[in-house]
Amino acid sequence: MIVSLSVLIEKAIENQVVSFPTDTLPALAVKPNYSDLIFELKQRSYEKPLILMVSSVEEMWQYVKGTEKELKIWQEVAYQYLPGGLTMVLPASSLITASMNPLNPNSIGIRVPRSTIAQKILSQTGGLATTSANLSGEEALTDMVAIDKKFPSVYVLDCDNSIKENSGVASTVIKWTGENWQTLRQGKIFIS
């Protein structure tokens, strides 16, 4: 269902799956406690966790836990590259629901999109569990009309596809190993 911004925000707050553009690829998104809806919709393996998307770097820190030294390292990277196409996989705080990463609930991928629309939505809904808009194993959809056709039960943002903030490239994913960063997926951002 293609809907206005206000309806999309309302449906997200009501725990419905929504889709909107980001700075990388359009997202399927839902409140974290309802992550199972996305796994079912995408026919996605629980081996592939969802990403928590939040509206600001400041909002990130409540969802992760680390030593003072680790937090300083994480913040240096976050404030350099976010908002933007970077997902940081960090130890999860108790605020993270296990259903976002069923096989490793102590870890969470988190990011802040560099997208006006996405930030506006997230600032009103709070953090959302997100992933690309596609069936598992298929190419990510980049067109909101195509997303609406593929997922008729999802509330899809009515927006002009010609006004794109998204790059069409998935985010770079880096994981904190306890000592340094490991790149899990390379996108446009390079972290040494």
C-alpha atoms as a PDB file:
ATOM      1  CA  MET A   1       0.000   0.000   0.000  1.00  0.00           C
ATOM      2  CA  ILE A   2       1.489   3.311  -1.020  1.00  0.00           C
ATOM      3  CA  VAL A   3       0.840   5.857   1.732  1.00  0.00           C
ATOM      4  CA  SER A   4       1.729   9.398   2.802  1.00  0.00           C
ATOM      5  CA  LEU A   5       4.538  10.173   5.232  1.00  0.00           C
ATOM      6  CA  SER A   6       2.113  10.772   8.121  1.00  0.00           C
ATOM      7  CA  VAL A   7       0.302   7.462   7.519  1.00  0.00           C
ATOM      8  CA  LEU A   8       3.606   5.584   7.203  1.00  0.00           C
ATOM      9  CA  ILE A   9       4.810   6.966  10.550  1.00  0.00           C
ATOM     10  CA  GLU A  10       1.452   6.107  12.162  1.00  0.00           C
ATOM     11  CA  LYS A  11       1.599   2.519  10.810  1.00  0.00           C
ATOM     12  CA  ALA A  12       5.213   2.065  11.962  1.00  0.00           C
ATOM     13  CA  ILE A  13       4.225   3.210  15.462  1.00  0.00           C
ATOM     14  CA  GLU A  14       1.348   0.668  15.292  1.00  0.00           C
ATOM     15  CA  ASN A  15       3.945  -2.119  14.716  1.00  0.00           C
ATOM     16  CA  GLN A  16       3.253  -2.561  10.998  1.00  0.00           C
ATOM     17  CA  VAL A  17       6.001  -3.213   8.427  1.00  0.00           C
ATOM     18  CA  VAL A  18       6.810  -0.092   6.405  1.00  0.00           C
ATOM     19  CA  SER A  19       9.192   0.782   3.573  1.00  0.00           C
ATOM     20  CA  PHE A  20      10.965   4.053   2.898  1.00  0.00           C
ATOM     21  CA  PRO A  21      14.080   5.312   1.094  1.00  0.00           C
ATOM     22  CA  THR A  22      17.398   5.674   2.889  1.00  0.00           C
ATOM     23  CA  ASP A  23      20.811   6.884   1.746  1.00  0.00           C
ATOM     24  CA  THR A  24      21.799   3.363   0.623  1.00  0.00           C
ATOM     25  CA  LEU A  25      18.868   1.116  -0.351  1.00  0.00           C
ATOM     26  CA  PRO A  26      15.178   1.452   0.512  1.00  0.00           C
ATOM     27  CA  ALA A  27      14.385  -0.280   3.796  1.00  0.00           C
ATOM     28  CA  LEU A  28      11.787  -2.670   5.053  1.00  0.00           C
ATOM     29  CA  ALA A  29      11.336  -1.581   8.652  1.00  0.00           C
ATOM     30  CA  VAL A  30       9.374  -2.482  11.762  1.00  0.00           C
ATOM     31  CA  LYS A  31       9.517  -1.884  15.502  1.00  0.00           C
ATOM     32  CA  PRO A  32      12.278  -4.156  16.904  1.00  0.00           C
ATOM     33  CA  ASN A  33       9.874  -6.266  19.011  1.00  0.00           C
ATOM     34  CA  TYR A  34       8.121  -7.257  15.776  1.00  0.00           C
ATOM     35  CA  SER A  35      11.260  -8.315  13.868  1.00  0.00           C
ATOM     36  CA  ASP A  36       9.727 -11.726  13.125  1.00  0.00           C
ATOM     37  CA  LEU A  37       7.376 -10.011  10.664  1.00  0.00           C
ATOM     38  CA  ILE A  38      10.332  -9.060   8.458  1.00  0.00           C
ATOM     39  CA  PHE A  39      11.971 -12.495   8.691  1.00  0.00           C
ATOM     40  CA  GLU A  40       8.651 -14.044   7.555  1.00  0.00           C
ATOM     41  CA  LEU A  41       7.993 -11.465   4.841  1.00  0.00           C
ATOM     42  CA  LYS A  42      11.451 -11.815   3.290  1.00  0.00           C
ATOM     43  CA  GLN A  43      11.679 -15.592   3.895  1.00  0.00           C
ATOM     44  CA  ARG A  44      14.952 -14.643   5.554  1.00  0.00           C
ATOM     45  CA  SER A  45      17.238 -16.994   7.463  1.00  0.00           C
ATOM     46  CA  TYR A  46      17.764 -16.188  11.138  1.00  0.00           C
ATOM     47  CA  GLU A  47      21.494 -16.374  10.336  1.00  0.00           C
ATOM     48  CA  LYS A  48      21.120 -12.902   8.772  1.00  0.00           C
ATOM     49  CA  PRO A  49      20.318 -10.424  11.559  1.00  0.00           C
ATOM     50  CA  LEU A  50      18.424  -7.185  11.044  1.00  0.00           C
ATOM     51  CA  ILE A  51      19.985  -3.733  11.436  1.00  0.00           C
ATOM     52  CA  LEU A  52      18.771  -1.189  13.970  1.00  0.00           C
ATOM     53  CA  MET A  53      18.368   2.158  12.224  1.00  0.00           C
ATOM     54  CA  VAL A  54      18.184   5.265  14.416  1.00  0.00           C
ATOM     55  CA  SER A  55      17.816   8.975  13.680  1.00  0.00           C
ATOM     56  CA  SER A  56      21.056  10.270  15.222  1.00  0.00           C
ATOM     57  CA  VAL A  57      24.509   9.195  16.375  1.00  0.00           C
ATOM     58  CA  GLU A  58      23.645  10.321  19.912  1.00  0.00           C
ATOM     59  CA  GLU A  59      20.705   7.895  19.960  1.00  0.00           C
ATOM     60  CA  MET A  60      22.978   4.913  19.149  1.00  0.00           C
ATOM     61  CA  TRP A  61      24.802   4.671  22.433  1.00  0.00           C
ATOM     62  CA  GLN A  62      21.850   3.490  24.538  1.00  0.00           C
ATOM     63  CA  TYR A  63      21.646   0.338  22.382  1.00  0.00           C
ATOM     64  CA  VAL A  64      25.273  -0.782  22.796  1.00  0.00           C
ATOM     65  CA  LYS A  65      27.535  -1.630  25.730  1.00  0.00           C
ATOM     66  CA  GLY A  66      31.282  -1.511  26.025  1.00  0.00           C
ATOM     67  CA  THR A  67      34.150  -0.295  28.139  1.00  0.00           C
ATOM     68  CA  GLU A  68      34.933   3.401  28.346  1.00  0.00           C
ATOM     69  CA  LYS A  69      37.918   2.803  26.033  1.00  0.00           C
ATOM     70  CA  GLU A  70      35.769   0.918  23.499  1.00  0.00           C
ATOM     71  CA  LEU A  71      33.063   3.579  23.528  1.00  0.00           C
ATOM     72  CA  LYS A  72      35.681   6.206  22.733  1.00  0.00           C
ATOM     73  CA  ILE A  73      36.943   4.169  19.733  1.00  0.00           C
ATOM     74  CA  TRP A  74      33.389   3.527  18.508  1.00  0.00           C
ATOM     75  CA  GLN A  75      32.435   7.181  18.866  1.00  0.00           C
ATOM     76  CA  GLU A  76      35.470   8.313  16.837  1.00  0.00           C
ATOM     77  CA  VAL A  77      34.336   6.140  13.925  1.00  0.00           C
ATOM     78  CA  ALA A  78      30.644   6.961  14.325  1.00  0.00           C
ATOM     79  CA  TYR A  79      31.144  10.722  14.415  1.00  0.00           C
ATOM     80  CA  GLN A  80      33.456  10.539  11.382  1.00  0.00           C
ATOM     81  CA  TYR A  81      31.193   8.459   9.107  1.00  0.00           C
ATOM     82  CA  LEU A  82      27.646   8.795  10.404  1.00  0.00           C
ATOM     83  CA  PRO A  83      25.086   9.721   9.334  1.00  0.00           C
ATOM     84  CA  GLY A  84      26.009   7.683   6.266  1.00  0.00           C
ATOM     85  CA  GLY A  85      26.367   4.290   4.637  1.00  0.00           C
ATOM     86  CA  LEU A  86      28.079   2.547   7.552  1.00  0.00           C
ATOM     87  CA  THR A  87      26.679  -0.159   9.825  1.00  0.00           C
ATOM     88  CA  MET A  88      28.585  -0.814  13.038  1.00  0.00           C
ATOM     89  CA  VAL A  89      28.176  -4.261  14.631  1.00  0.00           C
ATOM     90  CA  LEU A  90      28.680  -3.808  18.375  1.00  0.00           C
ATOM     91  CA  PRO A  91      27.838  -5.572  21.649  1.00  0.00           C
ATOM     92  CA  ALA A  92      24.122  -5.070  22.299  1.00  0.00           C
ATOM     93  CA  SER A  93      22.685  -3.472  25.419  1.00  0.00           C
ATOM     94  CA  SER A  94      19.667  -4.905  27.215  1.00  0.00           C
ATOM     95  CA  LEU A  95      17.419  -2.567  25.167  1.00  0.00           C
ATOM     96  CA  ILE A  96      17.927  -4.744  22.073  1.00  0.00           C
ATOM     97  CA  THR A  97      15.330  -7.442  21.570  1.00  0.00           C
ATOM     98  CA  ALA A  98      16.787 -10.886  20.820  1.00  0.00           C
ATOM     99  CA  SER A  99      14.479 -11.303  17.817  1.00  0.00           C
ATOM    100  CA  MET A 100      16.604  -8.845  15.783  1.00  0.00           C
ATOM    101  CA  ASN A 101      19.582 -11.214  15.893  1.00  0.00           C
ATOM    102  CA  PRO A 102      18.174 -14.573  17.050  1.00  0.00           C
ATOM    103  CA  LEU A 103      21.436 -16.545  16.726  1.00  0.00           C
ATOM    104  CA  ASN A 104      23.574 -13.918  18.475  1.00  0.00           C
ATOM    105  CA  PRO A 105      21.352 -11.643  20.584  1.00  0.00           C
ATOM    106  CA  ASN A 106      24.400 -10.101  22.282  1.00  0.00           C
ATOM    107  CA  SER A 107      25.368  -8.304  19.071  1.00  0.00           C
ATOM    108  CA  ILE A 108      23.609  -5.590  17.048  1.00  0.00           C
ATOM    109  CA  GLY A 109      24.281  -3.884  13.733  1.00  0.00           C
ATOM    110  CA  ILE A 110      23.339  -0.223  14.061  1.00  0.00           C
ATOM    111  CA  ARG A 111      23.390   2.735  11.713  1.00  0.00           C
ATOM    112  CA  VAL A 112      22.221   6.299  11.141  1.00  0.00           C
ATOM    113  CA  PRO A 113      21.151   7.017   7.550  1.00  0.00           C
ATOM    114  CA  ARG A 114      22.142  10.217   5.747  1.00  0.00           C
ATOM    115  CA  SER A 115      18.614  10.684   4.436  1.00  0.00           C
ATOM    116  CA  THR A 116      16.262  13.512   5.339  1.00  0.00           C
ATOM    117  CA  ILE A 117      13.174  11.324   4.863  1.00  0.00           C
ATOM    118  CA  ALA A 118      14.564   8.399   6.863  1.00  0.00           C
ATOM    119  CA  GLN A 119      15.726  10.653   9.712  1.00  0.00           C
ATOM    120  CA  LYS A 120      12.334  12.369   9.848  1.00  0.00           C
ATOM    121  CA  ILE A 121      10.580   8.980  10.105  1.00  0.00           C
ATOM    122  CA  LEU A 122      13.018   7.565  12.684  1.00  0.00           C
ATOM    123  CA  SER A 123      12.859  10.685  14.852  1.00  0.00           C
ATOM    124  CA  GLN A 124       9.129  10.028  15.289  1.00  0.00           C
ATOM    125  CA  THR A 125       9.051   6.215  15.417  1.00  0.00           C
ATOM    126  CA  GLY A 126      12.210   5.578  17.414  1.00  0.00           C
ATOM    127  CA  GLY A 127      14.747   3.000  16.251  1.00  0.00           C
ATOM    128  CA  LEU A 128      13.470   0.473  13.711  1.00  0.00           C
ATOM    129  CA  ALA A 129      14.633  -3.009  12.747  1.00  0.00           C
ATOM    130  CA  THR A 130      15.551  -2.748   9.070  1.00  0.00           C
ATOM    131  CA  THR A 131      16.814  -4.629   6.038  1.00  0.00           C
ATOM    132  CA  SER A 132      16.772  -4.184   2.286  1.00  0.00           C
ATOM    133  CA  ALA A 133      13.445  -4.539   0.457  1.00  0.00           C
ATOM    134  CA  ASN A 134      13.615  -7.883  -1.331  1.00  0.00           C
ATOM    135  CA  LEU A 135      12.920 -11.554  -0.879  1.00  0.00           C
ATOM    136  CA  SER A 136      15.932 -13.324   0.577  1.00  0.00           C
ATOM    137  CA  GLY A 137      18.400 -14.225  -2.174  1.00  0.00           C
ATOM    138  CA  GLU A 138      16.943 -11.743  -4.684  1.00  0.00           C
ATOM    139  CA  GLU A 139      18.375  -8.383  -5.747  1.00  0.00           C
ATOM    140  CA  ALA A 140      17.452  -5.460  -3.494  1.00  0.00           C
ATOM    141  CA  LEU A 141      14.600  -3.372  -4.895  1.00  0.00           C
ATOM    142  CA  THR A 142      15.364   0.310  -5.387  1.00  0.00           C
ATOM    143  CA  ASP A 143      11.993   1.496  -6.704  1.00  0.00           C
ATOM    144  CA  MET A 144       9.169   2.211  -4.265  1.00  0.00           C
ATOM    145  CA  VAL A 145       6.480   1.094  -6.765  1.00  0.00           C
ATOM    146  CA  ALA A 146       8.296  -2.236  -7.255  1.00  0.00           C
ATOM    147  CA  ILE A 147       8.469  -2.653  -3.468  1.00  0.00           C
ATOM    148  CA  ASP A 148       4.703  -2.054  -3.256  1.00  0.00           C
ATOM    149  CA  LYS A 149       4.067  -4.717  -5.919  1.00  0.00           C
ATOM    150  CA  LYS A 150       6.412  -7.279  -4.298  1.00  0.00           C
ATOM    151  CA  PHE A 151       5.100  -6.680  -0.747  1.00  0.00           C
ATOM    152  CA  PRO A 152       1.405  -5.671  -0.958  1.00  0.00           C
ATOM    153  CA  SER A 153       0.948  -5.889   2.846  1.00  0.00           C
ATOM    154  CA  VAL A 154       3.722  -3.340   3.507  1.00  0.00           C
ATOM    155  CA  TYR A 155       3.010   0.379   3.928  1.00  0.00           C
ATOM    156  CA  VAL A 156       5.289   1.965   1.287  1.00  0.00           C
ATOM    157  CA  LEU A 157       6.130   5.664   1.324  1.00  0.00           C
ATOM    158  CA  ASP A 158       4.621   7.617  -1.561  1.00  0.00           C
ATOM    159  CA  CYS A 159       7.627   9.500  -2.867  1.00  0.00           C
ATOM    160  CA  ASP A 160       8.995  10.608  -6.199  1.00  0.00           C
ATOM    161  CA  ASN A 161      11.529   8.006  -7.321  1.00  0.00           C
ATOM    162  CA  SER A 162      13.340  10.684  -9.326  1.00  0.00           C
ATOM    163  CA  ILE A 163      14.251  12.530  -6.108  1.00  0.00           C
ATOM    164  CA  LYS A 164      16.647   9.949  -4.738  1.00  0.00           C
ATOM    165  CA  GLU A 165      18.944  10.281  -1.780  1.00  0.00           C
ATOM    166  CA  ASN A 166      19.873   6.622  -2.023  1.00  0.00           C
ATOM    167  CA  SER A 167      23.077   5.384  -3.627  1.00  0.00           C
ATOM    168  CA  GLY A 168      21.723   1.950  -4.523  1.00  0.00           C
ATOM    169  CA  VAL A 169      24.724   0.435  -2.715  1.00  0.00           C
ATOM    170  CA  ALA A 170      24.322  -1.427   0.571  1.00  0.00           C
ATOM    171  CA  SER A 171      26.092  -0.002   3.626  1.00  0.00           C
ATOM    172  CA  THR A 172      29.602  -0.986   4.605  1.00  0.00           C
ATOM    173  CA  VAL A 173      29.337  -3.301   7.633  1.00  0.00           C
ATOM    174  CA  ILE A 174      32.125  -3.356  10.207  1.00  0.00           C
ATOM    175  CA  LYS A 175      32.236  -5.478  13.356  1.00  0.00           C
ATOM    176  CA  TRP A 176      34.095  -4.695  16.563  1.00  0.00           C
ATOM    177  CA  THR A 177      36.157  -7.791  17.452  1.00  0.00           C
ATOM    178  CA  GLY A 178      37.114  -6.538  20.925  1.00  0.00           C
ATOM    179  CA  GLU A 179      40.438  -5.242  19.587  1.00  0.00           C
ATOM    180  CA  ASN A 180      39.807  -3.810  16.115  1.00  0.00           C
ATOM    181  CA  TRP A 181      37.376  -3.578  13.205  1.00  0.00           C
ATOM    182  CA  GLN A 182      36.574  -6.436  10.849  1.00  0.00           C
ATOM    183  CA  THR A 183      34.858  -5.550   7.558  1.00  0.00           C
ATOM    184  CA  LEU A 184      31.918  -7.917   6.981  1.00  0.00           C
ATOM    185  CA  ARG A 185      30.574  -6.178   3.847  1.00  0.00           C
ATOM    186  CA  GLN A 186      32.263  -3.526   1.766  1.00  0.00           C
ATOM    187  CA  GLY A 187      30.131  -0.602   0.586  1.00  0.00           C
ATOM    188  CA  LYS A 188      31.209   2.924  -0.355  1.00  0.00           C
ATOM    189  CA  ILE A 189      32.850   3.667   2.993  1.00  0.00           C
ATOM    190  CA  PHE A 190      36.303   2.177   3.661  1.00  0.00           C
ATOM    191  CA  ILE A 191      37.497   1.693   7.250  1.00  0.00           C
ATOM    192  CA  SER A 192      41.110   0.693   7.808  1.00  0.00           C
END
